[in-house]
């Protein structure tokens, strides 16, 4: 992929997908946690949804680096700050082109990571 590639989905493209639009506007912690889990190469767990709200800005920067997209930190920061749901939806739609599936099931198997074994 070219280093100058950029997002092909517009900032307001989430309005094309009613389910996504509803999700990013009403319960943004769900798509945010799923996207971060996908970028980390793991299934999100219940803690990701409840306690560790990942930053879509950080997820987008990771995505840009991984897939050779043009880095645009200022634009990403402004969009994340002033149009958070649309920014999250745009991330979702673009990630789908690279194998991301928003239908990931919540995992409870990795919740004991770091726990002391008895």
PDB file of N, CA and C in Angstrom:
ATOM      1  N   UNK A   1       0.824  -1.187   0.000  1.00  0.00           N
ATOM      2  CA  UNK A   1       0.000   0.000   0.000  1.00  0.00           C
ATOM      3  C   UNK A   1       0.868   1.249   0.000  1.00  0.00           C
ATOM      4  N   UNK A   2       0.396   2.235  -0.630  1.00  0.00           N
ATOM      5  CA  UNK A   2       1.119   3.494  -0.722  1.00  0.00           C
ATOM      6  C   UNK A   2       1.097   4.225   0.622  1.00  0.00           C
ATOM      7  N   UNK A   3       2.199   4.908   0.927  1.00  0.00           N
ATOM      8  CA  UNK A   3       2.269   5.674   2.163  1.00  0.00           C
ATOM      9  C   UNK A   3       1.327   6.871   2.118  1.00  0.00           C
ATOM     10  N   UNK A   4       0.851   7.212   0.950  1.00  0.00           N
ATOM     11  CA  UNK A   4      -0.044   8.363   0.813  1.00  0.00           C
ATOM     12  C   UNK A   4      -1.514   7.960   0.778  1.00  0.00           C
ATOM     13  N   UNK A   5      -1.820   6.689   0.984  1.00  0.00           N
ATOM     14  CA  UNK A   5      -3.212   6.257   1.009  1.00  0.00           C
ATOM     15  C   UNK A   5      -3.913   6.922   2.183  1.00  0.00           C
ATOM     16  N   UNK A   6      -5.178   7.253   2.005  1.00  0.00           N
ATOM     17  CA  UNK A   6      -5.950   7.844   3.094  1.00  0.00           C
ATOM     18  C   UNK A   6      -7.308   7.162   3.150  1.00  0.00           C
ATOM     19  N   UNK A   7      -8.082   7.503   4.131  1.00  0.00           N
ATOM     20  CA  UNK A   7      -9.395   6.886   4.310  1.00  0.00           C
ATOM     21  C   UNK A   7     -10.265   7.127   3.085  1.00  0.00           C
ATOM     22  N   UNK A   8     -10.951   6.081   2.658  1.00  0.00           N
ATOM     23  CA  UNK A   8     -11.832   6.204   1.501  1.00  0.00           C
ATOM     24  C   UNK A   8     -13.262   6.514   1.932  1.00  0.00           C
ATOM     25  N   UNK A   9     -13.568   6.216   3.188  1.00  0.00           N
ATOM     26  CA  UNK A   9     -14.898   6.522   3.723  1.00  0.00           C
ATOM     27  C   UNK A   9     -14.882   7.935   4.287  1.00  0.00           C
ATOM     28  N   UNK A  10     -15.921   8.691   4.024  1.00  0.00           N
ATOM     29  CA  UNK A  10     -16.022  10.051   4.548  1.00  0.00           C
ATOM     30  C   UNK A  10     -16.356  10.064   6.028  1.00  0.00           C
ATOM     31  N   UNK A  11     -16.165  11.183   6.654  1.00  0.00           N
ATOM     32  CA  UNK A  11     -16.418  11.323   8.081  1.00  0.00           C
ATOM     33  C   UNK A  11     -17.885  11.040   8.433  1.00  0.00           C
ATOM     34  N   UNK A  12     -18.795  11.352   7.531  1.00  0.00           N
ATOM     35  CA  UNK A  12     -20.213  11.144   7.805  1.00  0.00           C
ATOM     36  C   UNK A  12     -20.777   9.886   7.139  1.00  0.00           C
ATOM     37  N   UNK A  13     -19.913   8.986   6.726  1.00  0.00           N
ATOM     38  CA  UNK A  13     -20.333   7.755   6.049  1.00  0.00           C
ATOM     39  C   UNK A  13     -21.096   6.806   6.965  1.00  0.00           C
ATOM     40  N   UNK A  14     -20.943   6.968   8.272  1.00  0.00           N
ATOM     41  CA  UNK A  14     -21.650   6.064   9.187  1.00  0.00           C
ATOM     42  C   UNK A  14     -23.168   6.175   9.028  1.00  0.00           C
ATOM     43  N   UNK A  15     -23.644   7.288   8.475  1.00  0.00           N
ATOM     44  CA  UNK A  15     -25.086   7.436   8.275  1.00  0.00           C
ATOM     45  C   UNK A  15     -25.634   6.485   7.215  1.00  0.00           C
ATOM     46  N   UNK A  16     -24.754   5.851   6.432  1.00  0.00           N
ATOM     47  CA  UNK A  16     -25.177   4.859   5.433  1.00  0.00           C
ATOM     48  C   UNK A  16     -25.544   3.527   6.082  1.00  0.00           C
ATOM     49  N   UNK A  17     -25.076   3.293   7.293  1.00  0.00           N
ATOM     50  CA  UNK A  17     -25.280   2.020   8.001  1.00  0.00           C
ATOM     51  C   UNK A  17     -26.024   2.323   9.301  1.00  0.00           C
ATOM     52  N   UNK A  18     -27.339   2.094   9.314  1.00  0.00           N
ATOM     53  CA  UNK A  18     -28.168   2.470  10.448  1.00  0.00           C
ATOM     54  C   UNK A  18     -27.709   1.831  11.745  1.00  0.00           C
ATOM     55  N   UNK A  19     -27.377   0.554  11.710  1.00  0.00           N
ATOM     56  CA  UNK A  19     -26.941  -0.158  12.916  1.00  0.00           C
ATOM     57  C   UNK A  19     -25.655   0.472  13.473  1.00  0.00           C
ATOM     58  N   UNK A  20     -24.712   0.745  12.601  1.00  0.00           N
ATOM     59  CA  UNK A  20     -23.462   1.384  13.019  1.00  0.00           C
ATOM     60  C   UNK A  20     -23.733   2.783  13.560  1.00  0.00           C
ATOM     61  N   UNK A  21     -24.533   3.537  12.867  1.00  0.00           N
ATOM     62  CA  UNK A  21     -24.856   4.909  13.273  1.00  0.00           C
ATOM     63  C   UNK A  21     -25.470   4.921  14.671  1.00  0.00           C
ATOM     64  N   UNK A  22     -26.425   4.060  14.900  1.00  0.00           N
ATOM     65  CA  UNK A  22     -27.075   3.967  16.198  1.00  0.00           C
ATOM     66  C   UNK A  22     -26.069   3.598  17.285  1.00  0.00           C
ATOM     67  N   UNK A  23     -25.199   2.667  16.973  1.00  0.00           N
ATOM     68  CA  UNK A  23     -24.212   2.192  17.931  1.00  0.00           C
ATOM     69  C   UNK A  23     -23.199   3.277  18.298  1.00  0.00           C
ATOM     70  N   UNK A  24     -22.631   3.957  17.305  1.00  0.00           N
ATOM     71  CA  UNK A  24     -21.607   4.971  17.607  1.00  0.00           C
ATOM     72  C   UNK A  24     -22.184   6.195  18.303  1.00  0.00           C
ATOM     73  N   UNK A  25     -23.451   6.472  18.077  1.00  0.00           N
ATOM     74  CA  UNK A  25     -24.063   7.633  18.735  1.00  0.00           C
ATOM     75  C   UNK A  25     -24.596   7.305  20.121  1.00  0.00           C
ATOM     76  N   UNK A  26     -25.119   6.091  20.325  1.00  0.00           N
ATOM     77  CA  UNK A  26     -25.769   5.755  21.599  1.00  0.00           C
ATOM     78  C   UNK A  26     -24.877   4.984  22.574  1.00  0.00           C
ATOM     79  N   UNK A  27     -24.071   4.073  22.067  1.00  0.00           N
ATOM     80  CA  UNK A  27     -23.200   3.268  22.934  1.00  0.00           C
ATOM     81  C   UNK A  27     -21.804   3.153  22.307  1.00  0.00           C
ATOM     82  N   UNK A  28     -21.087   4.264  22.231  1.00  0.00           N
ATOM     83  CA  UNK A  28     -19.795   4.273  21.548  1.00  0.00           C
ATOM     84  C   UNK A  28     -18.727   3.391  22.194  1.00  0.00           C
ATOM     85  N   UNK A  29     -18.905   3.004  23.456  1.00  0.00           N
ATOM     86  CA  UNK A  29     -17.902   2.149  24.097  1.00  0.00           C
ATOM     87  C   UNK A  29     -17.812   0.791  23.409  1.00  0.00           C
ATOM     88  N   UNK A  30     -18.898   0.317  22.804  1.00  0.00           N
ATOM     89  CA  UNK A  30     -18.881  -1.002  22.161  1.00  0.00           C
ATOM     90  C   UNK A  30     -18.035  -0.997  20.887  1.00  0.00           C
ATOM     91  N   UNK A  31     -18.306  -0.148  19.899  1.00  0.00           N
ATOM     92  CA  UNK A  31     -17.438  -0.186  18.715  1.00  0.00           C
ATOM     93  C   UNK A  31     -15.998   0.215  19.033  1.00  0.00           C
ATOM     94  N   UNK A  32     -15.812   1.110  19.977  1.00  0.00           N
ATOM     95  CA  UNK A  32     -14.466   1.534  20.338  1.00  0.00           C
ATOM     96  C   UNK A  32     -13.662   0.367  20.905  1.00  0.00           C
ATOM     97  N   UNK A  33     -14.262  -0.401  21.804  1.00  0.00           N
ATOM     98  CA  UNK A  33     -13.584  -1.555  22.407  1.00  0.00           C
ATOM     99  C   UNK A  33     -13.319  -2.649  21.366  1.00  0.00           C
ATOM    100  N   UNK A  34     -14.283  -2.876  20.487  1.00  0.00           N
ATOM    101  CA  UNK A  34     -14.105  -3.895  19.447  1.00  0.00           C
ATOM    102  C   UNK A  34     -12.984  -3.517  18.479  1.00  0.00           C
ATOM    103  N   UNK A  35     -12.935  -2.261  18.099  1.00  0.00           N
ATOM    104  CA  UNK A  35     -11.886  -1.804  17.186  1.00  0.00           C
ATOM    105  C   UNK A  35     -10.508  -1.940  17.823  1.00  0.00           C
ATOM    106  N   UNK A  36     -10.380  -1.535  19.086  1.00  0.00           N
ATOM    107  CA  UNK A  36      -9.089  -1.615  19.766  1.00  0.00           C
ATOM    108  C   UNK A  36      -8.657  -3.068  19.921  1.00  0.00           C
ATOM    109  N   UNK A  37      -9.598  -3.941  20.273  1.00  0.00           N
ATOM    110  CA  UNK A  37      -9.283  -5.366  20.387  1.00  0.00           C
ATOM    111  C   UNK A  37      -8.784  -5.930  19.070  1.00  0.00           C
ATOM    112  N   UNK A  38      -9.453  -5.577  17.972  1.00  0.00           N
ATOM    113  CA  UNK A  38      -9.044  -6.053  16.640  1.00  0.00           C
ATOM    114  C   UNK A  38      -7.637  -5.568  16.312  1.00  0.00           C
ATOM    115  N   UNK A  39      -7.361  -4.317  16.575  1.00  0.00           N
ATOM    116  CA  UNK A  39      -6.027  -3.781  16.293  1.00  0.00           C
ATOM    117  C   UNK A  39      -4.957  -4.432  17.163  1.00  0.00           C
ATOM    118  N   UNK A  40      -5.342  -4.853  18.374  1.00  0.00           N
ATOM    119  CA  UNK A  40      -4.401  -5.529  19.268  1.00  0.00           C
ATOM    120  C   UNK A  40      -4.285  -7.017  18.966  1.00  0.00           C
ATOM    121  N   UNK A  41      -5.113  -7.519  18.043  1.00  0.00           N
ATOM    122  CA  UNK A  41      -5.066  -8.942  17.683  1.00  0.00           C
ATOM    123  C   UNK A  41      -5.709  -9.839  18.727  1.00  0.00           C
ATOM    124  N   UNK A  42      -6.748  -9.355  19.378  1.00  0.00           N
ATOM    125  CA  UNK A  42      -7.424 -10.136  20.407  1.00  0.00           C
ATOM    126  C   UNK A  42      -8.909  -9.801  20.416  1.00  0.00           C
ATOM    127  N   UNK A  43      -9.677 -10.657  21.090  1.00  0.00           N
ATOM    128  CA  UNK A  43     -11.090 -10.363  21.265  1.00  0.00           C
ATOM    129  C   UNK A  43     -11.241  -9.429  22.455  1.00  0.00           C
ATOM    130  N   UNK A  44     -12.107  -8.446  22.365  1.00  0.00           N
ATOM    131  CA  UNK A  44     -12.331  -7.592  23.528  1.00  0.00           C
ATOM    132  C   UNK A  44     -13.054  -8.365  24.621  1.00  0.00           C
ATOM    133  N   UNK A  45     -12.813  -7.987  25.867  1.00  0.00           N
ATOM    134  CA  UNK A  45     -13.538  -8.625  26.962  1.00  0.00           C
ATOM    135  C   UNK A  45     -14.413  -7.584  27.654  1.00  0.00           C
ATOM    136  N   UNK A  46     -15.144  -8.024  28.631  1.00  0.00           N
ATOM    137  CA  UNK A  46     -16.117  -7.155  29.291  1.00  0.00           C
ATOM    138  C   UNK A  46     -15.441  -5.943  29.939  1.00  0.00           C
ATOM    139  N   UNK A  47     -14.209  -6.097  30.387  1.00  0.00           N
ATOM    140  CA  UNK A  47     -13.463  -4.988  30.990  1.00  0.00           C
ATOM    141  C   UNK A  47     -13.208  -3.895  29.953  1.00  0.00           C
ATOM    142  N   UNK A  48     -12.909  -4.294  28.711  1.00  0.00           N
ATOM    143  CA  UNK A  48     -12.690  -3.320  27.641  1.00  0.00           C
ATOM    144  C   UNK A  48     -13.918  -2.427  27.455  1.00  0.00           C
ATOM    145  N   UNK A  49     -15.087  -3.019  27.561  1.00  0.00           N
ATOM    146  CA  UNK A  49     -16.317  -2.266  27.350  1.00  0.00           C
ATOM    147  C   UNK A  49     -16.656  -1.357  28.533  1.00  0.00           C
ATOM    148  N   UNK A  50     -16.382  -1.825  29.731  1.00  0.00           N
ATOM    149  CA  UNK A  50     -16.831  -1.107  30.935  1.00  0.00           C
ATOM    150  C   UNK A  50     -15.798  -0.164  31.535  1.00  0.00           C
ATOM    151  N   UNK A  51     -14.556  -0.569  31.568  1.00  0.00           N
ATOM    152  CA  UNK A  51     -13.576   0.177  32.359  1.00  0.00           C
ATOM    153  C   UNK A  51     -12.454   0.816  31.564  1.00  0.00           C
ATOM    154  N   UNK A  52     -12.196   0.330  30.394  1.00  0.00           N
ATOM    155  CA  UNK A  52     -11.041   0.811  29.649  1.00  0.00           C
ATOM    156  C   UNK A  52     -11.471   1.376  28.320  1.00  0.00           C
ATOM    157  N   UNK A  53     -12.207   2.424  28.337  1.00  0.00           N
ATOM    158  CA  UNK A  53     -12.670   3.039  27.093  1.00  0.00           C
ATOM    159  C   UNK A  53     -11.457   3.452  26.256  1.00  0.00           C
ATOM    160  N   UNK A  54     -11.158   2.692  25.194  1.00  0.00           N
ATOM    161  CA  UNK A  54     -10.005   3.053  24.373  1.00  0.00           C
ATOM    162  C   UNK A  54     -10.256   4.310  23.548  1.00  0.00           C
ATOM    163  N   UNK A  55      -9.216   4.995  23.234  1.00  0.00           N
ATOM    164  CA  UNK A  55      -9.315   6.215  22.445  1.00  0.00           C
ATOM    165  C   UNK A  55      -9.364   5.898  20.957  1.00  0.00           C
ATOM    166  N   UNK A  56     -10.421   6.299  20.270  1.00  0.00           N
ATOM    167  CA  UNK A  56     -10.474   6.092  18.825  1.00  0.00           C
ATOM    168  C   UNK A  56      -9.338   6.817  18.099  1.00  0.00           C
ATOM    169  N   UNK A  57      -8.857   7.913  18.683  1.00  0.00           N
ATOM    170  CA  UNK A  57      -7.722   8.626  18.083  1.00  0.00           C
ATOM    171  C   UNK A  57      -6.492   7.717  18.078  1.00  0.00           C
ATOM    172  N   UNK A  58      -6.201   7.081  19.212  1.00  0.00           N
ATOM    173  CA  UNK A  58      -5.043   6.185  19.298  1.00  0.00           C
ATOM    174  C   UNK A  58      -5.245   4.983  18.376  1.00  0.00           C
ATOM    175  N   UNK A  59      -6.463   4.461  18.336  1.00  0.00           N
ATOM    176  CA  UNK A  59      -6.745   3.333  17.439  1.00  0.00           C
ATOM    177  C   UNK A  59      -6.511   3.730  15.985  1.00  0.00           C
ATOM    178  N   UNK A  60      -6.931   4.932  15.612  1.00  0.00           N
ATOM    179  CA  UNK A  60      -6.745   5.375  14.231  1.00  0.00           C
ATOM    180  C   UNK A  60      -5.262   5.529  13.905  1.00  0.00           C
ATOM    181  N   UNK A  61      -4.483   6.039  14.841  1.00  0.00           N
ATOM    182  CA  UNK A  61      -3.054   6.184  14.593  1.00  0.00           C
ATOM    183  C   UNK A  61      -2.404   4.814  14.395  1.00  0.00           C
ATOM    184  N   UNK A  62      -2.804   3.829  15.196  1.00  0.00           N
ATOM    185  CA  UNK A  62      -2.301   2.462  15.039  1.00  0.00           C
ATOM    186  C   UNK A  62      -2.715   1.888  13.692  1.00  0.00           C
ATOM    187  N   UNK A  63      -3.960   2.120  13.319  1.00  0.00           N
ATOM    188  CA  UNK A  63      -4.477   1.633  12.037  1.00  0.00           C
ATOM    189  C   UNK A  63      -3.705   2.259  10.875  1.00  0.00           C
ATOM    190  N   UNK A  64      -3.507   3.565  10.925  1.00  0.00           N
ATOM    191  CA  UNK A  64      -2.777   4.258   9.857  1.00  0.00           C
ATOM    192  C   UNK A  64      -1.372   3.679   9.698  1.00  0.00           C
ATOM    193  N   UNK A  65      -0.708   3.466  10.811  1.00  0.00           N
ATOM    194  CA  UNK A  65       0.656   2.938  10.758  1.00  0.00           C
ATOM    195  C   UNK A  65       0.678   1.515  10.202  1.00  0.00           C
ATOM    196  N   UNK A  66      -0.233   0.671  10.676  1.00  0.00           N
ATOM    197  CA  UNK A  66      -0.255  -0.727  10.257  1.00  0.00           C
ATOM    198  C   UNK A  66      -0.520  -0.880   8.761  1.00  0.00           C
ATOM    199  N   UNK A  67      -1.427  -0.079   8.215  1.00  0.00           N
ATOM    200  CA  UNK A  67      -1.824  -0.246   6.818  1.00  0.00           C
ATOM    201  C   UNK A  67      -1.227   0.795   5.871  1.00  0.00           C
ATOM    202  N   UNK A  68      -0.276   1.564   6.330  1.00  0.00           N
ATOM    203  CA  UNK A  68       0.436   2.490   5.463  1.00  0.00           C
ATOM    204  C   UNK A  68      -0.386   3.689   5.021  1.00  0.00           C
ATOM    205  N   UNK A  69      -1.329   4.092   5.841  1.00  0.00           N
ATOM    206  CA  UNK A  69      -2.120   5.279   5.525  1.00  0.00           C
ATOM    207  C   UNK A  69      -1.333   6.532   5.893  1.00  0.00           C
ATOM    208  N   UNK A  70      -1.621   7.598   5.181  1.00  0.00           N
ATOM    209  CA  UNK A  70      -0.977   8.879   5.454  1.00  0.00           C
ATOM    210  C   UNK A  70      -1.285   9.311   6.890  1.00  0.00           C
ATOM    211  N   UNK A  71      -0.258   9.680   7.643  1.00  0.00           N
ATOM    212  CA  UNK A  71      -0.447  10.139   9.020  1.00  0.00           C
ATOM    213  C   UNK A  71      -0.964  11.580   8.996  1.00  0.00           C
ATOM    214  N   UNK A  72      -1.980  11.837   9.784  1.00  0.00           N
ATOM    215  CA  UNK A  72      -2.571  13.175   9.847  1.00  0.00           C
ATOM    216  C   UNK A  72      -3.086  13.404  11.273  1.00  0.00           C
ATOM    217  N   UNK A  73      -2.155  13.581  12.196  1.00  0.00           N
ATOM    218  CA  UNK A  73      -2.485  13.657  13.616  1.00  0.00           C
ATOM    219  C   UNK A  73      -3.424  14.815  13.950  1.00  0.00           C
ATOM    220  N   UNK A  74      -3.194  15.987  13.374  1.00  0.00           N
ATOM    221  CA  UNK A  74      -4.034  17.147  13.682  1.00  0.00           C
ATOM    222  C   UNK A  74      -5.470  16.946  13.221  1.00  0.00           C
ATOM    223  N   UNK A  75      -5.631  16.475  12.011  1.00  0.00           N
ATOM    224  CA  UNK A  75      -6.979  16.231  11.481  1.00  0.00           C
ATOM    225  C   UNK A  75      -7.694  15.178  12.328  1.00  0.00           C
ATOM    226  N   UNK A  76      -6.980  14.099  12.657  1.00  0.00           N
ATOM    227  CA  UNK A  76      -7.573  13.040  13.466  1.00  0.00           C
ATOM    228  C   UNK A  76      -7.960  13.553  14.850  1.00  0.00           C
ATOM    229  N   UNK A  77      -7.107  14.364  15.443  1.00  0.00           N
ATOM    230  CA  UNK A  77      -7.378  14.910  16.769  1.00  0.00           C
ATOM    231  C   UNK A  77      -8.622  15.805  16.749  1.00  0.00           C
ATOM    232  N   UNK A  78      -8.692  16.686  15.773  1.00  0.00           N
ATOM    233  CA  UNK A  78      -9.845  17.590  15.677  1.00  0.00           C
ATOM    234  C   UNK A  78     -11.142  16.836  15.423  1.00  0.00           C
ATOM    235  N   UNK A  79     -11.092  15.862  14.523  1.00  0.00           N
ATOM    236  CA  UNK A  79     -12.302  15.073  14.243  1.00  0.00           C
ATOM    237  C   UNK A  79     -12.736  14.268  15.464  1.00  0.00           C
ATOM    238  N   UNK A  80     -11.767  13.681  16.176  1.00  0.00           N
ATOM    239  CA  UNK A  80     -12.095  12.893  17.364  1.00  0.00           C
ATOM    240  C   UNK A  80     -12.695  13.781  18.464  1.00  0.00           C
ATOM    241  N   UNK A  81     -12.211  15.003  18.570  1.00  0.00           N
ATOM    242  CA  UNK A  81     -12.708  15.917  19.606  1.00  0.00           C
ATOM    243  C   UNK A  81     -14.078  16.510  19.282  1.00  0.00           C
ATOM    244  N   UNK A  82     -14.286  16.864  18.027  1.00  0.00           N
ATOM    245  CA  UNK A  82     -15.494  17.609  17.680  1.00  0.00           C
ATOM    246  C   UNK A  82     -16.592  16.797  16.997  1.00  0.00           C
ATOM    247  N   UNK A  83     -16.263  15.597  16.546  1.00  0.00           N
ATOM    248  CA  UNK A  83     -17.292  14.737  15.948  1.00  0.00           C
ATOM    249  C   UNK A  83     -16.976  13.277  16.267  1.00  0.00           C
ATOM    250  N   UNK A  84     -16.890  13.010  17.562  1.00  0.00           N
ATOM    251  CA  UNK A  84     -16.484  11.704  18.062  1.00  0.00           C
ATOM    252  C   UNK A  84     -17.275  10.535  17.443  1.00  0.00           C
ATOM    253  N   UNK A  85     -18.607  10.549  17.452  1.00  0.00           N
ATOM    254  CA  UNK A  85     -19.338   9.406  16.891  1.00  0.00           C
ATOM    255  C   UNK A  85     -19.037   9.171  15.399  1.00  0.00           C
ATOM    256  N   UNK A  86     -18.983  10.234  14.619  1.00  0.00           N
ATOM    257  CA  UNK A  86     -18.696  10.080  13.191  1.00  0.00           C
ATOM    258  C   UNK A  86     -17.278   9.569  12.969  1.00  0.00           C
ATOM    259  N   UNK A  87     -16.352  10.042  13.775  1.00  0.00           N
ATOM    260  CA  UNK A  87     -14.956   9.600  13.714  1.00  0.00           C
ATOM    261  C   UNK A  87     -14.877   8.108  14.010  1.00  0.00           C
ATOM    262  N   UNK A  88     -15.590   7.670  15.035  1.00  0.00           N
ATOM    263  CA  UNK A  88     -15.625   6.263  15.412  1.00  0.00           C
ATOM    264  C   UNK A  88     -16.252   5.416  14.300  1.00  0.00           C
ATOM    265  N   UNK A  89     -17.322   5.928  13.694  1.00  0.00           N
ATOM    266  CA  UNK A  89     -17.960   5.224  12.577  1.00  0.00           C
ATOM    267  C   UNK A  89     -17.058   5.126  11.365  1.00  0.00           C
ATOM    268  N   UNK A  90     -16.328   6.187  11.082  1.00  0.00           N
ATOM    269  CA  UNK A  90     -15.400   6.177   9.949  1.00  0.00           C
ATOM    270  C   UNK A  90     -14.301   5.137  10.185  1.00  0.00           C
ATOM    271  N   UNK A  91     -13.784   5.067  11.415  1.00  0.00           N
ATOM    272  CA  UNK A  91     -12.794   4.038  11.746  1.00  0.00           C
ATOM    273  C   UNK A  91     -13.356   2.653  11.460  1.00  0.00           C
ATOM    274  N   UNK A  92     -14.578   2.421  11.926  1.00  0.00           N
ATOM    275  CA  UNK A  92     -15.221   1.120  11.777  1.00  0.00           C
ATOM    276  C   UNK A  92     -15.340   0.723  10.308  1.00  0.00           C
ATOM    277  N   UNK A  93     -15.861   1.625   9.489  1.00  0.00           N
ATOM    278  CA  UNK A  93     -16.067   1.322   8.074  1.00  0.00           C
ATOM    279  C   UNK A  93     -14.749   1.079   7.346  1.00  0.00           C
ATOM    280  N   UNK A  94     -13.726   1.834   7.673  1.00  0.00           N
ATOM    281  CA  UNK A  94     -12.431   1.663   7.006  1.00  0.00           C
ATOM    282  C   UNK A  94     -11.757   0.362   7.443  1.00  0.00           C
ATOM    283  N   UNK A  95     -11.881   0.022   8.711  1.00  0.00           N
ATOM    284  CA  UNK A  95     -11.274  -1.211   9.215  1.00  0.00           C
ATOM    285  C   UNK A  95     -11.910  -2.448   8.607  1.00  0.00           C
ATOM    286  N   UNK A  96     -13.184  -2.366   8.271  1.00  0.00           N
ATOM    287  CA  UNK A  96     -13.877  -3.502   7.634  1.00  0.00           C
ATOM    288  C   UNK A  96     -13.209  -3.888   6.315  1.00  0.00           C
ATOM    289  N   UNK A  97     -12.614  -2.931   5.645  1.00  0.00           N
ATOM    290  CA  UNK A  97     -11.941  -3.196   4.369  1.00  0.00           C
ATOM    291  C   UNK A  97     -10.659  -3.991   4.559  1.00  0.00           C
ATOM    292  N   UNK A  98     -10.240  -4.122   5.809  1.00  0.00           N
ATOM    293  CA  UNK A  98      -8.998  -4.839   6.111  1.00  0.00           C
ATOM    294  C   UNK A  98      -9.247  -6.064   6.986  1.00  0.00           C
ATOM    295  N   UNK A  99     -10.485  -6.540   7.026  1.00  0.00           N
ATOM    296  CA  UNK A  99     -10.794  -7.779   7.724  1.00  0.00           C
ATOM    297  C   UNK A  99     -11.464  -7.642   9.074  1.00  0.00           C
ATOM    298  N   UNK A 100     -11.675  -6.416   9.539  1.00  0.00           N
ATOM    299  CA  UNK A 100     -12.352  -6.209  10.823  1.00  0.00           C
ATOM    300  C   UNK A 100     -13.825  -6.572  10.688  1.00  0.00           C
ATOM    301  N   UNK A 101     -14.348  -7.248  11.703  1.00  0.00           N
ATOM    302  CA  UNK A 101     -15.768  -7.557  11.733  1.00  0.00           C
ATOM    303  C   UNK A 101     -16.377  -6.970  12.996  1.00  0.00           C
ATOM    304  N   UNK A 102     -17.397  -6.135  12.860  1.00  0.00           N
ATOM    305  CA  UNK A 102     -18.021  -5.556  14.052  1.00  0.00           C
ATOM    306  C   UNK A 102     -18.848  -6.570  14.843  1.00  0.00           C
ATOM    307  N   UNK A 103     -18.974  -7.793  14.336  1.00  0.00           N
ATOM    308  CA  UNK A 103     -19.788  -8.806  14.994  1.00  0.00           C
ATOM    309  C   UNK A 103     -18.987  -9.694  15.934  1.00  0.00           C
ATOM    310  N   UNK A 104     -17.891  -9.180  16.489  1.00  0.00           N
ATOM    311  CA  UNK A 104     -17.066  -9.928  17.431  1.00  0.00           C
ATOM    312  C   UNK A 104     -17.862 -10.171  18.701  1.00  0.00           C
ATOM    313  N   UNK A 105     -17.735 -11.365  19.243  1.00  0.00           N
ATOM    314  CA  UNK A 105     -18.432 -11.716  20.473  1.00  0.00           C
ATOM    315  C   UNK A 105     -17.551 -11.330  21.659  1.00  0.00           C
ATOM    316  N   UNK A 106     -18.177 -10.908  22.752  1.00  0.00           N
ATOM    317  CA  UNK A 106     -17.427 -10.543  23.958  1.00  0.00           C
ATOM    318  C   UNK A 106     -16.786 -11.790  24.541  1.00  0.00           C
ATOM    319  N   UNK A 107     -15.501 -11.702  24.824  1.00  0.00           N
ATOM    320  CA  UNK A 107     -14.770 -12.815  25.405  1.00  0.00           C
ATOM    321  C   UNK A 107     -14.641 -12.620  26.908  1.00  0.00           C
ATOM    322  N   UNK A 108     -14.819 -13.696  27.650  1.00  0.00           N
ATOM    323  CA  UNK A 108     -14.565 -13.653  29.078  1.00  0.00           C
ATOM    324  C   UNK A 108     -13.349 -14.500  29.424  1.00  0.00           C
ATOM    325  N   UNK A 109     -12.755 -15.135  28.421  1.00  0.00           N
ATOM    326  CA  UNK A 109     -11.632 -16.039  28.662  1.00  0.00           C
ATOM    327  C   UNK A 109     -10.343 -15.333  29.047  1.00  0.00           C
ATOM    328  N   UNK A 110     -10.122 -14.106  28.602  1.00  0.00           N
ATOM    329  CA  UNK A 110      -8.862 -13.421  28.907  1.00  0.00           C
ATOM    330  C   UNK A 110      -9.028 -12.400  30.026  1.00  0.00           C
ATOM    331  N   UNK A 111     -10.064 -12.528  30.833  1.00  0.00           N
ATOM    332  CA  UNK A 111     -10.300 -11.562  31.892  1.00  0.00           C
ATOM    333  C   UNK A 111      -9.392 -11.795  33.094  1.00  0.00           C
ATOM    334  N   UNK A 112      -8.802 -12.985  33.213  1.00  0.00           N
ATOM    335  CA  UNK A 112      -7.974 -13.263  34.375  1.00  0.00           C
ATOM    336  C   UNK A 112      -6.494 -12.981  34.117  1.00  0.00           C
ATOM    337  N   UNK A 113      -6.190 -12.330  33.007  1.00  0.00           N
ATOM    338  CA  UNK A 113      -4.805 -12.017  32.710  1.00  0.00           C
ATOM    339  C   UNK A 113      -4.208 -11.188  33.843  1.00  0.00           C
ATOM    340  N   UNK A 114      -3.110 -11.659  34.373  1.00  0.00           N
ATOM    341  CA  UNK A 114      -2.443 -10.956  35.460  1.00  0.00           C
ATOM    342  C   UNK A 114      -2.947 -11.368  36.835  1.00  0.00           C
ATOM    343  N   UNK A 115      -3.938 -12.246  36.878  1.00  0.00           N
ATOM    344  CA  UNK A 115      -4.446 -12.699  38.161  1.00  0.00           C
ATOM    345  C   UNK A 115      -3.484 -13.718  38.769  1.00  0.00           C
ATOM    346  N   UNK A 116      -3.445 -13.754  40.060  1.00  0.00           N
ATOM    347  CA  UNK A 116      -2.579 -14.703  40.771  1.00  0.00           C
ATOM    348  C   UNK A 116      -3.246 -16.053  40.773  1.00  0.00           C
ATOM    349  N   UNK A 117      -2.494 -17.095  40.373  1.00  0.00           N
ATOM    350  CA  UNK A 117      -3.034 -18.453  40.368  1.00  0.00           C
ATOM    351  C   UNK A 117      -2.991 -19.019  41.770  1.00  0.00           C
ATOM    352  N   UNK A 118      -4.048 -19.721  42.151  1.00  0.00           N
ATOM    353  CA  UNK A 118      -4.111 -20.306  43.499  1.00  0.00           C
ATOM    354  C   UNK A 118      -3.372 -21.613  43.553  1.00  0.00           C
TER     355      UNK A 118
END
